[in-house]
């Protein structure tokens, strides 16, 4: 729900600069959280297929983050 509202603010031409910055911050925080969850799940699974999917998802979420 928070991401949906943030996207509405980002696409609304009437949004103020502060609303756009706040919305972008919300999206960034949720994206980072999703990325971290994928990395954690990858480290906890013994299933190589699931591990690969989690790693790929983390790369999509955070393409500029350095690999560990």
C-alpha atoms as a PDB file:
ATOM      1  CA  UNK A   1       0.000   0.000   0.000  1.00  0.00           C
ATOM      2  CA  UNK A   2       2.846   2.413   0.793  1.00  0.00           C
ATOM      3  CA  UNK A   3       4.473   1.767  -2.581  1.00  0.00           C
ATOM      4  CA  UNK A   4       1.167   2.202  -4.385  1.00  0.00           C
ATOM      5  CA  UNK A   5       0.601   5.583  -2.728  1.00  0.00           C
ATOM      6  CA  UNK A   6       4.198   6.609  -3.429  1.00  0.00           C
ATOM      7  CA  UNK A   7       3.788   5.732  -7.100  1.00  0.00           C
ATOM      8  CA  UNK A   8       0.625   7.805  -7.266  1.00  0.00           C
ATOM      9  CA  UNK A   9       2.531  10.786  -5.866  1.00  0.00           C
ATOM     10  CA  UNK A  10       5.414  10.218  -8.274  1.00  0.00           C
ATOM     11  CA  UNK A  11       3.102  10.183 -11.284  1.00  0.00           C
ATOM     12  CA  UNK A  12       0.870  13.043 -10.171  1.00  0.00           C
ATOM     13  CA  UNK A  13       1.866  16.256 -11.960  1.00  0.00           C
ATOM     14  CA  UNK A  14       0.384  18.258  -9.078  1.00  0.00           C
ATOM     15  CA  UNK A  15       2.737  16.706  -6.489  1.00  0.00           C
ATOM     16  CA  UNK A  16       5.097  19.115  -4.806  1.00  0.00           C
ATOM     17  CA  UNK A  17       8.841  18.613  -4.815  1.00  0.00           C
ATOM     18  CA  UNK A  18       8.650  17.481  -1.187  1.00  0.00           C
ATOM     19  CA  UNK A  19       5.953  14.923  -2.016  1.00  0.00           C
ATOM     20  CA  UNK A  20       8.066  13.559  -4.871  1.00  0.00           C
ATOM     21  CA  UNK A  21      11.144  13.307  -2.662  1.00  0.00           C
ATOM     22  CA  UNK A  22       9.176  11.598   0.097  1.00  0.00           C
ATOM     23  CA  UNK A  23       7.624   9.168  -2.365  1.00  0.00           C
ATOM     24  CA  UNK A  24      11.011   8.348  -3.875  1.00  0.00           C
ATOM     25  CA  UNK A  25      12.378   7.710  -0.381  1.00  0.00           C
ATOM     26  CA  UNK A  26       9.531   5.297   0.387  1.00  0.00           C
ATOM     27  CA  UNK A  27      10.171   3.369  -2.829  1.00  0.00           C
ATOM     28  CA  UNK A  28      13.926   3.258  -2.186  1.00  0.00           C
ATOM     29  CA  UNK A  29      13.487   1.961   1.372  1.00  0.00           C
ATOM     30  CA  UNK A  30      11.069  -0.761   0.313  1.00  0.00           C
ATOM     31  CA  UNK A  31      13.301  -1.753  -2.599  1.00  0.00           C
ATOM     32  CA  UNK A  32      16.300  -2.010  -0.300  1.00  0.00           C
ATOM     33  CA  UNK A  33      14.301  -4.106   2.164  1.00  0.00           C
ATOM     34  CA  UNK A  34      13.200  -6.458  -0.614  1.00  0.00           C
ATOM     35  CA  UNK A  35      16.779  -6.771  -1.831  1.00  0.00           C
ATOM     36  CA  UNK A  36      18.031  -7.593   1.662  1.00  0.00           C
ATOM     37  CA  UNK A  37      15.264 -10.167   2.125  1.00  0.00           C
ATOM     38  CA  UNK A  38      16.246 -11.892  -1.125  1.00  0.00           C
ATOM     39  CA  UNK A  39      19.886 -12.017  -0.061  1.00  0.00           C
ATOM     40  CA  UNK A  40      18.976 -13.405   3.351  1.00  0.00           C
ATOM     41  CA  UNK A  41      16.690 -16.032   1.829  1.00  0.00           C
ATOM     42  CA  UNK A  42      19.436 -17.014  -0.579  1.00  0.00           C
ATOM     43  CA  UNK A  43      21.886 -17.538   2.257  1.00  0.00           C
ATOM     44  CA  UNK A  44      19.406 -19.682   4.212  1.00  0.00           C
ATOM     45  CA  UNK A  45      18.234 -22.097   1.529  1.00  0.00           C
ATOM     46  CA  UNK A  46      19.959 -25.320   0.582  1.00  0.00           C
ATOM     47  CA  UNK A  47      17.976 -25.563  -2.655  1.00  0.00           C
ATOM     48  CA  UNK A  48      20.321 -24.455  -5.471  1.00  0.00           C
ATOM     49  CA  UNK A  49      17.457 -23.459  -7.786  1.00  0.00           C
ATOM     50  CA  UNK A  50      15.808 -21.316  -5.107  1.00  0.00           C
ATOM     51  CA  UNK A  51      19.198 -19.826  -4.202  1.00  0.00           C
ATOM     52  CA  UNK A  52      19.782 -18.803  -7.828  1.00  0.00           C
ATOM     53  CA  UNK A  53      16.318 -17.229  -8.046  1.00  0.00           C
ATOM     54  CA  UNK A  54      16.852 -15.264  -4.834  1.00  0.00           C
ATOM     55  CA  UNK A  55      20.274 -14.039  -6.015  1.00  0.00           C
ATOM     56  CA  UNK A  56      18.836 -12.996  -9.387  1.00  0.00           C
ATOM     57  CA  UNK A  57      15.966 -11.181  -7.661  1.00  0.00           C
ATOM     58  CA  UNK A  58      18.408  -9.319  -5.436  1.00  0.00           C
ATOM     59  CA  UNK A  59      20.412  -8.290  -8.502  1.00  0.00           C
ATOM     60  CA  UNK A  60      17.264  -6.937 -10.156  1.00  0.00           C
ATOM     61  CA  UNK A  61      16.264  -5.020  -7.014  1.00  0.00           C
ATOM     62  CA  UNK A  62      19.707  -3.562  -6.376  1.00  0.00           C
ATOM     63  CA  UNK A  63      21.728  -3.720  -9.600  1.00  0.00           C
ATOM     64  CA  UNK A  64      24.397  -1.278  -8.371  1.00  0.00           C
ATOM     65  CA  UNK A  65      25.007  -2.921  -5.025  1.00  0.00           C
ATOM     66  CA  UNK A  66      28.342  -4.701  -4.797  1.00  0.00           C
ATOM     67  CA  UNK A  67      28.285  -8.477  -4.611  1.00  0.00           C
ATOM     68  CA  UNK A  68      29.317 -10.078  -1.357  1.00  0.00           C
END
